[in-house]
C-alpha atoms as a PDB file:
ATOM      1  CA  MET A   1      -5.894 -17.986 -10.751  1.00  0.00           C
ATOM      2  CA  ARG A   2      -9.670 -18.116 -10.524  1.00  0.00           C
ATOM      3  CA  TYR A   3      -9.384 -21.482 -12.283  1.00  0.00           C
ATOM      4  CA  LEU A   4      -6.293 -22.767 -10.445  1.00  0.00           C
ATOM      5  CA  ALA A   5      -6.902 -21.629  -6.846  1.00  0.00           C
ATOM      6  CA  PRO A   6      -9.784 -24.042  -6.118  1.00  0.00           C
ATOM      7  CA  ARG A   7      -7.706 -26.921  -7.465  1.00  0.00           C
ATOM      8  CA  TRP A   8      -4.826 -25.931  -5.182  1.00  0.00           C
ATOM      9  CA  GLY A   9      -7.038 -25.693  -2.098  1.00  0.00           C
ATOM     10  CA  LEU A  10      -6.742 -21.889  -1.942  1.00  0.00           C
ATOM     11  CA  MET A  11     -10.300 -21.088  -0.886  1.00  0.00           C
ATOM     12  CA  ASP A  12     -11.544 -18.574   1.654  1.00  0.00           C
ATOM     13  CA  GLN A  13     -14.402 -20.135   3.580  1.00  0.00           C
ATOM     14  CA  PRO A  14     -17.168 -17.989   5.151  1.00  0.00           C
ATOM     15  CA  ALA A  15     -16.782 -17.395   8.898  1.00  0.00           C
ATOM     16  CA  ALA A  16     -18.256 -15.266  11.659  1.00  0.00           C
ATOM     17  CA  ARG A  17     -15.676 -12.480  11.308  1.00  0.00           C
ATOM     18  CA  LYS A  18     -15.901 -12.423   7.495  1.00  0.00           C
ATOM     19  CA  VAL A  19     -18.426 -10.703   5.275  1.00  0.00           C
ATOM     20  CA  HIS A  20     -18.567 -13.039   2.268  1.00  0.00           C
ATOM     21  CA  LEU A  21     -21.191 -15.783   2.189  1.00  0.00           C
ATOM     22  CA  VAL A  22     -19.789 -18.286  -0.327  1.00  0.00           C
ATOM     23  CA  PRO A  23     -16.342 -19.948  -0.642  1.00  0.00           C
ATOM     24  CA  THR A  24     -14.127 -17.719  -2.801  1.00  0.00           C
ATOM     25  CA  PRO A  25     -10.732 -18.381  -4.457  1.00  0.00           C
ATOM     26  CA  LEU A  26      -7.710 -16.785  -2.727  1.00  0.00           C
ATOM     27  CA  GLY A  27      -5.143 -16.747  -5.541  1.00  0.00           C
ATOM     28  CA  GLY A  28      -5.512 -13.105  -6.585  1.00  0.00           C
ATOM     29  CA  GLY A  29      -2.269 -12.163  -4.845  1.00  0.00           C
ATOM     30  CA  ILE A  30      -0.337 -14.418  -7.222  1.00  0.00           C
ATOM     31  CA  GLY A  31      -1.951 -12.618 -10.156  1.00  0.00           C
ATOM     32  CA  ILE A  32      -0.980  -9.232  -8.665  1.00  0.00           C
ATOM     33  CA  TRP A  33       2.597 -10.439  -8.156  1.00  0.00           C
ATOM     34  CA  LEU A  34       2.819 -11.609 -11.773  1.00  0.00           C
ATOM     35  CA  GLY A  35       1.222  -8.362 -12.961  1.00  0.00           C
ATOM     36  CA  VAL A  36       4.065  -6.412 -11.329  1.00  0.00           C
ATOM     37  CA  VAL A  37       7.079  -8.663 -11.832  1.00  0.00           C
ATOM     38  CA  THR A  38       6.462  -9.582 -15.484  1.00  0.00           C
ATOM     39  CA  PRO A  39       6.431  -6.050 -16.964  1.00  0.00           C
ATOM     40  CA  LEU A  40       9.212  -4.882 -14.632  1.00  0.00           C
ATOM     41  CA  ALA A  41      11.418  -7.807 -15.645  1.00  0.00           C
ATOM     42  CA  SER A  42      10.700  -7.100 -19.308  1.00  0.00           C
ATOM     43  CA  ALA A  43      11.516  -3.388 -18.964  1.00  0.00           C
ATOM     44  CA  TRP A  44      14.666  -4.165 -16.976  1.00  0.00           C
ATOM     45  CA  ALA A  45      15.833  -6.641 -19.618  1.00  0.00           C
ATOM     46  CA  ILE A  46      15.327  -4.027 -22.345  1.00  0.00           C
ATOM     47  CA  ALA A  47      17.224  -1.398 -20.322  1.00  0.00           C
ATOM     48  CA  LEU A  48      20.174  -3.762 -19.855  1.00  0.00           C
ATOM     49  CA  ALA A  49      20.194  -4.817 -23.491  1.00  0.00           C
ATOM     50  CA  ILE A  50      20.102  -1.330 -25.049  1.00  0.00           C
ATOM     51  CA  PRO A  51      23.913  -0.696 -24.881  1.00  0.00           C
ATOM     52  CA  SER A  52      24.544  -3.802 -27.009  1.00  0.00           C
ATOM     53  CA  ALA A  53      21.323  -3.542 -29.058  1.00  0.00           C
ATOM     54  CA  PRO A  54      20.605   0.184 -29.630  1.00  0.00           C
ATOM     55  CA  PHE A  55      17.559  -0.526 -31.811  1.00  0.00           C
ATOM     56  CA  LEU A  56      15.677  -1.449 -28.629  1.00  0.00           C
ATOM     57  CA  ALA A  57      15.749   2.226 -27.660  1.00  0.00           C
ATOM     58  CA  ASP A  58      12.979   2.758 -30.200  1.00  0.00           C
ATOM     59  CA  LEU A  59      10.664   0.819 -27.873  1.00  0.00           C
ATOM     60  CA  LEU A  60      10.979   3.478 -25.160  1.00  0.00           C
ATOM     61  CA  PRO A  61       9.795   7.103 -24.986  1.00  0.00           C
ATOM     62  CA  SER A  62      12.645   9.519 -25.708  1.00  0.00           C
ATOM     63  CA  GLN A  63      12.171  11.232 -22.307  1.00  0.00           C
ATOM     64  CA  ILE A  64      13.150   8.034 -20.508  1.00  0.00           C
ATOM     65  CA  LEU A  65      16.383   7.314 -22.387  1.00  0.00           C
ATOM     66  CA  PRO A  66      18.592   9.792 -20.432  1.00  0.00           C
ATOM     67  CA  HIS A  67      17.521   8.112 -17.196  1.00  0.00           C
ATOM     68  CA  LEU A  68      18.453   4.548 -18.177  1.00  0.00           C
ATOM     69  CA  ASP A  69      21.869   4.756 -16.529  1.00  0.00           C
ATOM     70  CA  GLY A  70      20.169   5.608 -13.249  1.00  0.00           C
ATOM     71  CA  VAL A  71      17.714   2.746 -13.727  1.00  0.00           C
ATOM     72  CA  ARG A  72      20.592   0.315 -14.254  1.00  0.00           C
ATOM     73  CA  TYR A  73      22.429   1.731 -11.250  1.00  0.00           C
ATOM     74  CA  ARG A  74      19.443   1.269  -8.919  1.00  0.00           C
ATOM     75  CA  SER A  75      18.268  -2.029 -10.349  1.00  0.00           C
ATOM     76  CA  GLY A  76      19.898  -3.876  -7.439  1.00  0.00           C
ATOM     77  CA  GLN A  77      17.596  -2.116  -4.977  1.00  0.00           C
ATOM     78  CA  LEU A  78      14.641  -2.697  -7.270  1.00  0.00           C
ATOM     79  CA  TRP A  79      15.197  -6.440  -7.308  1.00  0.00           C
ATOM     80  CA  ALA A  80      15.912  -6.479  -3.587  1.00  0.00           C
ATOM     81  CA  ILE A  81      12.466  -4.956  -3.010  1.00  0.00           C
ATOM     82  CA  LEU A  82      10.850  -7.466  -5.361  1.00  0.00           C
ATOM     83  CA  ALA A  83      12.730 -10.307  -3.653  1.00  0.00           C
ATOM     84  CA  GLY A  84      11.472  -9.122  -0.271  1.00  0.00           C
ATOM     85  CA  GLY A  85       7.956  -8.816  -1.673  1.00  0.00           C
ATOM     86  CA  THR A  86       8.209 -12.314  -3.116  1.00  0.00           C
ATOM     87  CA  ALA A  87       9.331 -13.731   0.233  1.00  0.00           C
ATOM     88  CA  LEU A  88       6.375 -12.091   1.968  1.00  0.00           C
ATOM     89  CA  SER A  89       4.013 -13.298  -0.758  1.00  0.00           C
ATOM     90  CA  ILE A  90       5.216 -16.871  -0.270  1.00  0.00           C
ATOM     91  CA  MET A  91       4.651 -16.554   3.473  1.00  0.00           C
ATOM     92  CA  GLY A  92       1.227 -15.038   2.798  1.00  0.00           C
ATOM     93  CA  LEU A  93       0.406 -17.853   0.393  1.00  0.00           C
ATOM     94  CA  PHE A  94       1.227 -20.418   3.060  1.00  0.00           C
ATOM     95  CA  ASP A  95      -0.882 -18.435   5.530  1.00  0.00           C
ATOM     96  CA  ASP A  96      -3.789 -18.399   3.067  1.00  0.00           C
ATOM     97  CA  TRP A  97      -3.428 -22.153   2.726  1.00  0.00           C
ATOM     98  CA  LYS A  98      -2.764 -23.257   6.317  1.00  0.00           C
ATOM     99  CA  SER A  99      -3.421 -20.135   8.479  1.00  0.00           C
ATOM    100  CA  LEU A 100      -0.245 -19.211  10.361  1.00  0.00           C
ATOM    101  CA  PRO A 101      -0.224 -17.671  13.867  1.00  0.00           C
ATOM    102  CA  TRP A 102       0.516 -13.947  13.925  1.00  0.00           C
ATOM    103  CA  GLN A 103       3.906 -14.331  15.649  1.00  0.00           C
ATOM    104  CA  PRO A 104       5.782 -16.057  12.780  1.00  0.00           C
ATOM    105  CA  ARG A 105       4.090 -13.753  10.281  1.00  0.00           C
ATOM    106  CA  LEU A 106       5.261 -10.637  12.138  1.00  0.00           C
ATOM    107  CA  LEU A 107       8.729 -12.146  12.541  1.00  0.00           C
ATOM    108  CA  GLY A 108       8.924 -12.797   8.796  1.00  0.00           C
ATOM    109  CA  GLN A 109       7.871  -9.239   8.044  1.00  0.00           C
ATOM    110  CA  PHE A 110      10.491  -7.922  10.478  1.00  0.00           C
ATOM    111  CA  ILE A 111      13.251 -10.013   8.880  1.00  0.00           C
ATOM    112  CA  VAL A 112      12.344  -8.813   5.382  1.00  0.00           C
ATOM    113  CA  ALA A 113      12.128  -5.183   6.535  1.00  0.00           C
ATOM    114  CA  CYS A 114      15.524  -5.334   8.273  1.00  0.00           C
ATOM    115  CA  SER A 115      17.084  -7.069   5.269  1.00  0.00           C
ATOM    116  CA  LEU A 116      15.923  -4.294   2.945  1.00  0.00           C
ATOM    117  CA  VAL A 117      16.873  -1.462   5.303  1.00  0.00           C
ATOM    118  CA  PHE A 118      20.251  -2.696   6.548  1.00  0.00           C
ATOM    119  CA  GLY A 119      21.170  -4.943   3.612  1.00  0.00           C
ATOM    120  CA  ALA A 120      19.891  -3.110   0.535  1.00  0.00           C
ATOM    121  CA  GLY A 121      20.185   0.444   1.869  1.00  0.00           C
ATOM    122  CA  ILE A 122      16.489   1.255   1.560  1.00  0.00           C
ATOM    123  CA  HIS A 123      15.929   3.756   4.346  1.00  0.00           C
ATOM    124  CA  ALA A 124      14.837   7.327   4.998  1.00  0.00           C
ATOM    125  CA  THR A 125      16.973  10.026   6.620  1.00  0.00           C
ATOM    126  CA  VAL A 126      14.068  11.861   8.382  1.00  0.00           C
ATOM    127  CA  PHE A 127      16.347  14.933   8.592  1.00  0.00           C
ATOM    128  CA  VAL A 128      18.584  13.584  11.361  1.00  0.00           C
ATOM    129  CA  SER A 129      22.333  13.125  11.229  1.00  0.00           C
ATOM    130  CA  GLN A 130      22.335   9.674  12.844  1.00  0.00           C
ATOM    131  CA  PRO A 131      21.471   7.183  10.072  1.00  0.00           C
ATOM    132  CA  TRP A 132      20.348   4.513  12.546  1.00  0.00           C
ATOM    133  CA  ILE A 133      17.360   6.654  13.528  1.00  0.00           C
ATOM    134  CA  GLY A 134      16.172   6.805   9.924  1.00  0.00           C
ATOM    135  CA  SER A 135      16.755   3.068   9.568  1.00  0.00           C
ATOM    136  CA  ILE A 136      14.642   2.229  12.631  1.00  0.00           C
ATOM    137  CA  PHE A 137      11.925   4.601  11.419  1.00  0.00           C
ATOM    138  CA  THR A 138      11.949   2.869   8.020  1.00  0.00           C
ATOM    139  CA  VAL A 139      11.621  -0.618   9.541  1.00  0.00           C
ATOM    140  CA  ILE A 140       8.606   0.561  11.553  1.00  0.00           C
ATOM    141  CA  TRP A 141       7.138   2.262   8.466  1.00  0.00           C
ATOM    142  CA  ILE A 142       7.432  -0.949   6.433  1.00  0.00           C
ATOM    143  CA  LEU A 143       5.831  -3.070   9.157  1.00  0.00           C
ATOM    144  CA  VAL A 144       2.968  -0.605   9.634  1.00  0.00           C
ATOM    145  CA  LEU A 145       2.143  -0.360   5.923  1.00  0.00           C
ATOM    146  CA  ILE A 146       2.325  -4.110   5.353  1.00  0.00           C
ATOM    147  CA  ASN A 147      -0.163  -4.728   8.136  1.00  0.00           C
ATOM    148  CA  SER A 148      -2.381  -1.738   7.335  1.00  0.00           C
ATOM    149  CA  LEU A 149      -3.004  -3.050   3.810  1.00  0.00           C
ATOM    150  CA  ASN A 150      -3.513  -6.516   5.273  1.00  0.00           C
ATOM    151  CA  PHE A 151      -5.987  -5.243   7.866  1.00  0.00           C
ATOM    152  CA  LEU A 152      -7.933  -3.387   5.160  1.00  0.00           C
ATOM    153  CA  ASP A 153      -8.409  -6.515   3.085  1.00  0.00           C
ATOM    154  CA  ASN A 154     -11.806  -7.210   4.659  1.00  0.00           C
ATOM    155  CA  MET A 155     -14.299  -6.272   1.921  1.00  0.00           C
ATOM    156  CA  ASP A 156     -14.474  -6.683  -1.837  1.00  0.00           C
ATOM    157  CA  GLY A 157     -12.245  -4.173  -3.598  1.00  0.00           C
ATOM    158  CA  LEU A 158     -11.230  -2.293  -0.448  1.00  0.00           C
ATOM    159  CA  SER A 159      -7.501  -2.953  -0.018  1.00  0.00           C
ATOM    160  CA  ALA A 160      -6.803  -3.128  -3.757  1.00  0.00           C
ATOM    161  CA  GLY A 161      -8.693   0.131  -4.339  1.00  0.00           C
ATOM    162  CA  ILE A 162      -6.731   1.959  -1.646  1.00  0.00           C
ATOM    163  CA  GLY A 163      -3.497   0.539  -3.072  1.00  0.00           C
ATOM    164  CA  LEU A 164      -4.523   1.748  -6.534  1.00  0.00           C
ATOM    165  CA  ILE A 165      -5.403   5.268  -5.337  1.00  0.00           C
ATOM    166  CA  SER A 166      -2.211   5.552  -3.290  1.00  0.00           C
ATOM    167  CA  SER A 167       0.103   4.283  -6.014  1.00  0.00           C
ATOM    168  CA  VAL A 168      -1.408   6.624  -8.631  1.00  0.00           C
ATOM    169  CA  LEU A 169      -1.117   9.661  -6.325  1.00  0.00           C
ATOM    170  CA  PHE A 170       2.482   8.811  -5.426  1.00  0.00           C
ATOM    171  CA  ALA A 171       3.280   8.309  -9.121  1.00  0.00           C
ATOM    172  CA  ILE A 172       1.816  11.737  -9.960  1.00  0.00           C
ATOM    173  CA  ILE A 173       4.139  13.306  -7.376  1.00  0.00           C
ATOM    174  CA  MET A 174       7.158  11.414  -8.678  1.00  0.00           C
ATOM    175  CA  LEU A 175       6.477  12.298 -12.330  1.00  0.00           C
ATOM    176  CA  THR A 176       5.122  15.851 -12.109  1.00  0.00           C
ATOM    177  CA  ALA A 177       5.850  17.525  -8.765  1.00  0.00           C
ATOM    178  CA  THR A 178       9.632  17.057  -8.566  1.00  0.00           C
ATOM    179  CA  SER A 179      12.316  19.014 -10.414  1.00  0.00           C
ATOM    180  CA  GLU A 180      12.664  16.177 -12.900  1.00  0.00           C
ATOM    181  CA  PRO A 181      10.585  13.011 -13.324  1.00  0.00           C
ATOM    182  CA  ARG A 182      11.576  10.102 -11.105  1.00  0.00           C
ATOM    183  CA  TRP A 183      11.000   7.487 -13.776  1.00  0.00           C
ATOM    184  CA  LEU A 184      12.089   4.434 -11.804  1.00  0.00           C
ATOM    185  CA  VAL A 185       9.892   5.026  -8.764  1.00  0.00           C
ATOM    186  CA  GLY A 186       7.055   6.610 -10.757  1.00  0.00           C
ATOM    187  CA  GLY A 187       7.086   3.857 -13.373  1.00  0.00           C
ATOM    188  CA  PHE A 188       7.221   1.174 -10.680  1.00  0.00           C
ATOM    189  CA  LEU A 189       4.152   2.680  -8.992  1.00  0.00           C
ATOM    190  CA  LEU A 190       2.237   2.898 -12.269  1.00  0.00           C
ATOM    191  CA  ILE A 191       2.949  -0.777 -12.965  1.00  0.00           C
ATOM    192  CA  LEU A 192       1.657  -1.611  -9.484  1.00  0.00           C
ATOM    193  CA  ALA A 193      -1.444   0.507 -10.211  1.00  0.00           C
ATOM    194  CA  GLY A 194      -1.997  -1.334 -13.496  1.00  0.00           C
ATOM    195  CA  SER A 195      -1.753  -4.710 -11.813  1.00  0.00           C
ATOM    196  CA  LEU A 196      -4.225  -3.648  -9.097  1.00  0.00           C
ATOM    197  CA  LEU A 197      -6.611  -2.256 -11.693  1.00  0.00           C
ATOM    198  CA  GLY A 198      -6.600  -5.599 -13.485  1.00  0.00           C
ATOM    199  CA  PHE A 199      -7.200  -7.407 -10.206  1.00  0.00           C
ATOM    200  CA  LEU A 200     -10.087  -5.096  -9.285  1.00  0.00           C
ATOM    201  CA  TYR A 201     -11.930  -6.218 -12.398  1.00  0.00           C
ATOM    202  CA  HIS A 202     -12.257  -9.630 -10.724  1.00  0.00           C
ATOM    203  CA  ASN A 203     -12.419  -8.369  -7.126  1.00  0.00           C
ATOM    204  CA  ARG A 204     -15.187  -5.788  -7.495  1.00  0.00           C
ATOM    205  CA  PRO A 205     -18.415  -6.692  -5.654  1.00  0.00           C
ATOM    206  CA  PRO A 206     -19.392  -9.457  -5.733  1.00  0.00           C
ATOM    207  CA  ALA A 207     -15.771 -10.598  -5.766  1.00  0.00           C
ATOM    208  CA  ARG A 208     -14.895 -13.642  -7.842  1.00  0.00           C
ATOM    209  CA  ILE A 209     -11.419 -13.890  -6.264  1.00  0.00           C
ATOM    210  CA  PHE A 210      -9.586 -12.474  -3.221  1.00  0.00           C
ATOM    211  CA  MET A 211      -5.956 -11.357  -3.017  1.00  0.00           C
ATOM    212  CA  GLY A 212      -5.413 -12.945   0.404  1.00  0.00           C
ATOM    213  CA  ASP A 213      -2.319 -12.259   2.483  1.00  0.00           C
ATOM    214  CA  THR A 214      -0.272 -13.140  -0.608  1.00  0.00           C
ATOM    215  CA  GLY A 215      -1.352  -9.898  -2.236  1.00  0.00           C
ATOM    216  CA  SER A 216      -1.814  -7.571   0.746  1.00  0.00           C
ATOM    217  CA  TYR A 217       1.711  -8.226   2.083  1.00  0.00           C
ATOM    218  CA  PHE A 218       3.162  -7.636  -1.378  1.00  0.00           C
ATOM    219  CA  ILE A 219       1.269  -4.379  -1.966  1.00  0.00           C
ATOM    220  CA  GLY A 220       2.060  -3.055   1.508  1.00  0.00           C
ATOM    221  CA  LEU A 221       5.786  -3.714   1.119  1.00  0.00           C
ATOM    222  CA  LEU A 222       5.976  -2.129  -2.342  1.00  0.00           C
ATOM    223  CA  LEU A 223       4.152   1.031  -1.229  1.00  0.00           C
ATOM    224  CA  ALA A 224       6.316   1.297   1.886  1.00  0.00           C
ATOM    225  CA  CYS A 225       9.571   0.901  -0.041  1.00  0.00           C
ATOM    226  CA  MET A 226       8.567   3.198  -2.895  1.00  0.00           C
ATOM    227  CA  THR A 227       7.580   5.985  -0.504  1.00  0.00           C
ATOM    228  CA  VAL A 228      11.038   5.670   1.044  1.00  0.00           C
ATOM    229  CA  GLN A 229      12.848   5.476  -2.307  1.00  0.00           C
ATOM    230  CA  GLY A 230      10.898   8.385  -3.767  1.00  0.00           C
ATOM    231  CA  THR A 231      12.355  11.874  -3.313  1.00  0.00           C
ATOM    232  CA  PHE A 232       9.568  13.994  -1.819  1.00  0.00           C
ATOM    233  CA  TYR A 233      11.757  16.805  -0.467  1.00  0.00           C
ATOM    234  CA  GLU A 234      14.366  18.485  -2.667  1.00  0.00           C
ATOM    235  CA  TYR A 235      16.895  20.786  -1.045  1.00  0.00           C
ATOM    236  CA  GLY A 236      16.614  24.355  -2.304  1.00  0.00           C
ATOM    237  CA  ARG A 237      13.479  23.717  -4.344  1.00  0.00           C
ATOM    238  CA  SER A 238      10.723  22.585  -1.985  1.00  0.00           C
ATOM    239  CA  SER A 239       9.899  23.262   1.648  1.00  0.00           C
ATOM    240  CA  THR A 240      10.326  20.527   4.197  1.00  0.00           C
ATOM    241  CA  HIS A 241       6.558  20.251   4.712  1.00  0.00           C
ATOM    242  CA  VAL A 242       6.269  18.090   1.564  1.00  0.00           C
ATOM    243  CA  ILE A 243       7.652  15.139   3.540  1.00  0.00           C
ATOM    244  CA  LEU A 244       4.144  14.931   5.020  1.00  0.00           C
ATOM    245  CA  ALA A 245       2.735  13.908   1.614  1.00  0.00           C
ATOM    246  CA  PRO A 246       2.995  10.126   2.271  1.00  0.00           C
ATOM    247  CA  LEU A 247       1.221  10.535   5.621  1.00  0.00           C
ATOM    248  CA  CYS A 248      -1.572  12.496   3.944  1.00  0.00           C
ATOM    249  CA  ILE A 249      -2.031  10.016   1.099  1.00  0.00           C
ATOM    250  CA  LEU A 250      -2.019   7.049   3.473  1.00  0.00           C
ATOM    251  CA  ALA A 251      -3.902   8.787   6.295  1.00  0.00           C
ATOM    252  CA  VAL A 252      -6.966   6.526   6.125  1.00  0.00           C
ATOM    253  CA  PRO A 253      -5.168   3.136   6.199  1.00  0.00           C
ATOM    254  CA  LEU A 254      -2.850   4.456   8.928  1.00  0.00           C
ATOM    255  CA  TYR A 255      -5.832   5.647  10.940  1.00  0.00           C
ATOM    256  CA  ASP A 256      -7.599   2.315  10.490  1.00  0.00           C
ATOM    257  CA  ILE A 257      -4.716   0.185  11.739  1.00  0.00           C
ATOM    258  CA  CYS A 258      -4.023   2.482  14.701  1.00  0.00           C
ATOM    259  CA  SER A 259      -7.667   2.642  15.774  1.00  0.00           C
ATOM    260  CA  VAL A 260      -8.196  -1.113  15.395  1.00  0.00           C
ATOM    261  CA  ILE A 261      -5.073  -1.949  17.416  1.00  0.00           C
ATOM    262  CA  LEU A 262      -6.089   0.487  20.166  1.00  0.00           C
ATOM    263  CA  ILE A 263      -9.600  -0.996  20.318  1.00  0.00           C
ATOM    264  CA  ARG A 264      -8.240  -4.538  20.599  1.00  0.00           C
ATOM    265  CA  LEU A 265      -5.721  -3.571  23.267  1.00  0.00           C
ATOM    266  CA  TRP A 266      -8.428  -1.699  25.192  1.00  0.00           C
ATOM    267  CA  GLN A 267     -10.491  -4.890  25.102  1.00  0.00           C
ATOM    268  CA  ARG A 268      -7.410  -6.837  26.260  1.00  0.00           C
ATOM    269  CA  ARG A 269      -7.190  -8.865  23.086  1.00  0.00           C
ATOM    270  CA  SER A 270      -4.300  -9.505  20.715  1.00  0.00           C
ATOM    271  CA  PRO A 271      -3.763  -6.645  18.226  1.00  0.00           C
ATOM    272  CA  PHE A 272      -3.654  -9.297  15.498  1.00  0.00           C
ATOM    273  CA  GLN A 273      -6.846 -11.106  16.467  1.00  0.00           C
ATOM    274  CA  PRO A 274      -9.269 -10.654  13.542  1.00  0.00           C
ATOM    275  CA  ASP A 275     -12.589  -8.981  14.282  1.00  0.00           C
ATOM    276  CA  LYS A 276     -15.032  -6.452  12.848  1.00  0.00           C
ATOM    277  CA  SER A 277     -13.600  -3.290  14.396  1.00  0.00           C
ATOM    278  CA  HIS A 278     -12.518  -1.754  11.088  1.00  0.00           C
ATOM    279  CA  PHE A 279     -13.884   1.451   9.562  1.00  0.00           C
ATOM    280  CA  SER A 280     -15.561  -0.552   6.805  1.00  0.00           C
ATOM    281  CA  HIS A 281     -17.423  -2.771   9.287  1.00  0.00           C
ATOM    282  CA  ARG A 282     -18.607   0.243  11.266  1.00  0.00           C
ATOM    283  CA  LEU A 283     -19.991   1.901   8.133  1.00  0.00           C
ATOM    284  CA  VAL A 284     -21.977  -1.245   7.426  1.00  0.00           C
ATOM    285  CA  GLU A 285     -23.285  -1.152  10.989  1.00  0.00           C
ATOM    286  CA  LEU A 286     -24.521   2.390  10.276  1.00  0.00           C
ATOM    287  CA  GLY A 287     -26.660   0.985   7.459  1.00  0.00           C
ATOM    288  CA  LEU A 288     -24.458   1.353   4.382  1.00  0.00           C
ATOM    289  CA  SER A 289     -24.240  -1.524   1.945  1.00  0.00           C
ATOM    290  CA  LYS A 290     -20.821  -3.136   1.615  1.00  0.00           C
ATOM    291  CA  PRO A 291     -20.136  -1.566  -1.836  1.00  0.00           C
ATOM    292  CA  ALA A 292     -21.205   1.837  -0.467  1.00  0.00           C
ATOM    293  CA  ALA A 293     -18.915   1.426   2.552  1.00  0.00           C
ATOM    294  CA  VAL A 294     -15.981   0.552   0.284  1.00  0.00           C
ATOM    295  CA  ALA A 295     -16.732   3.504  -2.010  1.00  0.00           C
ATOM    296  CA  THR A 296     -16.895   5.816   1.019  1.00  0.00           C
ATOM    297  CA  ILE A 297     -13.457   4.706   2.190  1.00  0.00           C
ATOM    298  CA  HIS A 298     -12.028   5.035  -1.324  1.00  0.00           C
ATOM    299  CA  LEU A 299     -13.362   8.588  -1.619  1.00  0.00           C
ATOM    300  CA  THR A 300     -12.059   9.449   1.835  1.00  0.00           C
ATOM    301  CA  THR A 301      -8.636   8.123   0.854  1.00  0.00           C
ATOM    302  CA  LEU A 302      -8.740  10.167  -2.344  1.00  0.00           C
ATOM    303  CA  MET A 303      -9.731  13.244  -0.339  1.00  0.00           C
ATOM    304  CA  THR A 304      -6.771  13.005   2.037  1.00  0.00           C
ATOM    305  CA  GLY A 305      -4.512  12.012  -0.860  1.00  0.00           C
ATOM    306  CA  LEU A 306      -5.382  15.141  -2.813  1.00  0.00           C
ATOM    307  CA  GLY A 307      -4.328  17.056   0.287  1.00  0.00           C
ATOM    308  CA  GLY A 308      -0.930  15.406  -0.101  1.00  0.00           C
ATOM    309  CA  LEU A 309      -0.721  16.641  -3.687  1.00  0.00           C
ATOM    310  CA  LEU A 310      -1.790  20.112  -2.567  1.00  0.00           C
ATOM    311  CA  LEU A 311       1.233  20.306  -0.250  1.00  0.00           C
ATOM    312  CA  TYR A 312       3.371  20.813  -3.350  1.00  0.00           C
ATOM    313  CA  GLN A 313       1.362  23.906  -4.310  1.00  0.00           C
ATOM    314  CA  VAL A 314       2.069  25.822  -1.087  1.00  0.00           C
ATOM    315  CA  ASP A 315       5.402  27.179   0.079  1.00  0.00           C
ATOM    316  CA  ASN A 316       5.118  27.602   3.840  1.00  0.00           C
ATOM    317  CA  TRP A 317       4.256  25.632   6.938  1.00  0.00           C
ATOM    318  CA  TYR A 318       1.208  27.791   7.705  1.00  0.00           C
ATOM    319  CA  ALA A 319      -0.580  26.729   4.512  1.00  0.00           C
ATOM    320  CA  ALA A 320       0.662  23.168   4.979  1.00  0.00           C
ATOM    321  CA  GLY A 321      -0.737  23.257   8.509  1.00  0.00           C
ATOM    322  CA  LEU A 322      -4.152  24.240   7.153  1.00  0.00           C
ATOM    323  CA  ILE A 323      -4.075  21.303   4.730  1.00  0.00           C
ATOM    324  CA  CYS A 324      -3.086  18.900   7.507  1.00  0.00           C
ATOM    325  CA  SER A 325      -5.830  20.360   9.707  1.00  0.00           C
ATOM    326  CA  LEU A 326      -8.376  19.616   6.990  1.00  0.00           C
ATOM    327  CA  ILE A 327      -7.117  16.034   6.803  1.00  0.00           C
ATOM    328  CA  LEU A 328      -7.285  15.760  10.591  1.00  0.00           C
ATOM    329  CA  CYS A 329     -10.909  16.943  10.437  1.00  0.00           C
ATOM    330  CA  VAL A 330     -11.656  14.179   7.926  1.00  0.00           C
ATOM    331  CA  LEU A 331     -10.177  11.606  10.307  1.00  0.00           C
ATOM    332  CA  LEU A 332     -12.202  13.051  13.189  1.00  0.00           C
ATOM    333  CA  VAL A 333     -15.366  12.706  11.107  1.00  0.00           C
ATOM    334  CA  ILE A 334     -14.403   9.054  10.577  1.00  0.00           C
ATOM    335  CA  ALA A 335     -13.942   8.659  14.338  1.00  0.00           C
ATOM    336  CA  ILE A 336     -17.405  10.117  14.986  1.00  0.00           C
ATOM    337  CA  LEU A 337     -18.969   7.776  12.439  1.00  0.00           C
ATOM    338  CA  GLU A 338     -17.181   4.820  14.008  1.00  0.00           C
ATOM    339  CA  THR A 339     -18.418   5.782  17.468  1.00  0.00           C
ATOM    340  CA  ALA A 340     -21.965   6.162  16.180  1.00  0.00           C
ATOM    341  CA  GLY A 341     -21.711   2.741  14.575  1.00  0.00           C
ATOM    342  CA  ARG A 342     -20.910   1.116  17.937  1.00  0.00           C
ATOM    343  CA  SER A 343     -23.125   3.219  20.225  1.00  0.00           C
ATOM    344  CA  PRO A 344     -26.300   1.662  21.625  1.00  0.00           C
ATOM    345  CA  LYS A 345     -29.544   2.886  20.118  1.00  0.00           C
ATOM    346  CA  ALA A 346     -31.054   5.764  22.043  1.00  0.00           C
ATOM    347  CA  ASP A 347     -34.526   5.208  23.483  1.00  0.00           C
ATOM    348  CA  ILE A 348     -37.256   6.993  21.565  1.00  0.00           C
END
């Protein structure tokens, strides 16, 4: 894609609201998409072929074999998610090429989210008896995560690094913290992590390629759907506080999108008007280099994410409340740093 993107006109030009100084290819999202779909399609083909070709079972770890029936059963939802991600990637690719207004982009995201929730049955219950409440919550969750990953794609390695950290932490929960490994969701997340790791090799500062909206929409949708499909709470085995794990792991991107939207609304601007109000930009204003600002946000994300893992090691809401309080303190520290980054210099 580094070779093809310039020939296709997929170039991100420097601008006032951007931090890069030279034109950079935008085709990284296509590489991420291929890095996810290709191995998943290969694994799915093997799983379907095993009943008629048992020798293929030797290609898989023995622990996975008992779960293949479940994989086949849920493959429809898997491909529905990938189809939705592909649709958003195509829209993002067109946006990277021609720059779409925010209204049709948000409408496209809403259509994909509703299609997955009401058409493919991908929704959370959120412990209420009325399924429509969980469905509405899931649509909002998908829209928020898609745009949070998109908003964070403002510095080299930032959005991809947060996607990598989040997918690995979610995979650890799915494969180690539940009563039995959730191979489909956990394996899906590890494949996403592998694709992002490969992309980061080319996107680390100074980036030689960007993911663009093609990649950020795709990553956001996959993380949103996998957090809904994953079983965080298990009746009779874990306390209900573990449902907070996704909020802990994604606390930093959720904080960033909420704070940026509030700032833009306070300034009577469109929430989707690009600017330099993000956490990363404010760290640079404080004097950090761009790589240092990105590393700071990655470490902060890892810090809150480890709190999400720690929720599975405690068995009551009091201890869970302490963990959430620690995460809240981290976010408050971020808020203080952001305020300092925008405050006028005091007279000496």
